[in-house]
Amino acid sequence: MPRFPPKSRETLVPTCFKCDAELRADDFAIYRKLVNKLADKFLCIPCLASHFNCEESAIHAQIKFYRESGTCGLFK
């Protein structure tokens, strides 16, 4: 059976498809909520704000709203 070298941490860390910033859970959740529920590539929050032509604070406000409301399973 062939043995493959273990993957390095760099290949396991998902990154923004625009700027290559390392992504966190909130980046995945808000992208899926606002853009595409079935997405397999993602934007970081700063790039997402640029995409929507808004302030990052507006994106963070949406994240806070969904987390506090408990209405969206993506933010648990």
Protein backbone atom coordinates (compact mmCIF):
# COMPACT_ATOMS: atom_id res chain seq x y z
CA MET A 1 0.00 0.00 0.00
CA PRO A 2 1.48 3.41 -0.94
CA ARG A 3 2.41 5.74 1.87
CA PHE A 4 1.90 9.43 1.46
CA PRO A 5 3.79 12.07 3.43
CA PRO A 6 1.68 13.79 6.08
CA LYS A 7 0.16 17.05 4.97
CA SER A 8 1.75 20.14 6.39
CA ARG A 9 -0.26 22.66 8.41
CA GLU A 10 -0.13 25.05 5.46
CA THR A 11 -2.17 22.71 3.28
CA LEU A 12 -4.77 22.19 6.02
CA VAL A 13 -5.47 25.84 6.85
CA PRO A 14 -8.24 27.28 4.67
CA THR A 15 -7.57 30.74 3.28
CA CYS A 16 -9.47 33.59 1.64
CA PHE A 17 -9.61 33.07 -2.11
CA LYS A 18 -8.91 36.77 -2.70
CA CYS A 19 -6.11 37.67 -0.28
CA ASP A 20 -4.98 34.30 1.18
CA ALA A 21 -5.69 35.37 4.78
CA GLU A 22 -6.26 32.50 7.19
CA LEU A 23 -9.99 31.96 7.77
CA ARG A 24 -11.83 31.54 11.08
CA ALA A 25 -15.23 30.02 11.85
CA ASP A 26 -17.02 33.39 11.56
CA ASP A 27 -15.59 33.89 8.06
CA PHE A 28 -17.11 30.59 6.91
CA ALA A 29 -20.44 31.17 8.62
CA ILE A 30 -21.11 34.72 7.40
CA TYR A 31 -19.99 33.89 3.86
CA ARG A 32 -22.39 30.94 3.78
CA LYS A 33 -25.20 33.05 5.26
CA LEU A 34 -24.79 36.05 2.95
CA VAL A 35 -23.38 34.59 -0.27
CA ASN A 36 -23.74 30.86 -0.83
CA LYS A 37 -24.90 28.23 1.63
CA LEU A 38 -23.04 25.48 -0.25
CA ALA A 39 -19.80 27.40 -0.86
CA ASP A 40 -16.49 25.56 -0.94
CA LYS A 41 -14.30 28.68 -1.22
CA PHE A 42 -14.60 31.70 1.01
CA LEU A 43 -13.72 35.36 1.54
CA CYS A 44 -12.35 36.70 4.82
CA ILE A 45 -14.42 39.39 6.54
CA PRO A 46 -12.39 42.34 5.15
CA CYS A 47 -12.69 40.99 1.57
CA LEU A 48 -16.38 40.22 2.09
CA ALA A 49 -16.95 43.80 3.25
CA SER A 50 -15.14 45.02 0.13
CA HIS A 51 -17.28 42.70 -2.02
CA PHE A 52 -20.47 44.20 -0.56
CA ASN A 53 -18.98 47.74 -0.51
CA CYS A 54 -19.62 48.16 3.21
CA GLU A 55 -17.68 48.59 6.43
CA GLU A 56 -16.27 45.56 8.24
CA SER A 57 -18.27 46.69 11.27
CA ALA A 58 -21.48 46.00 9.33
CA ILE A 59 -20.37 42.41 8.73
CA HIS A 60 -19.41 42.03 12.41
CA ALA A 61 -22.83 43.44 13.39
CA GLN A 62 -24.53 40.77 11.27
CA ILE A 63 -22.41 38.05 12.90
CA LYS A 64 -23.33 39.37 16.36
CA PHE A 65 -27.02 39.51 15.42
CA TYR A 66 -27.16 35.92 14.16
CA ARG A 67 -25.12 34.60 17.11
CA GLU A 68 -27.26 36.38 19.73
CA SER A 69 -30.60 35.63 18.04
CA GLY A 70 -29.91 31.91 17.93
CA THR A 71 -31.85 31.65 14.67
CA CYS A 72 -28.97 30.45 12.51
CA GLY A 73 -27.15 27.20 13.17
CA LEU A 74 -24.06 28.47 11.35
CA PHE A 75 -23.19 30.73 14.30
CA LYS A 76 -23.41 28.28 17.21
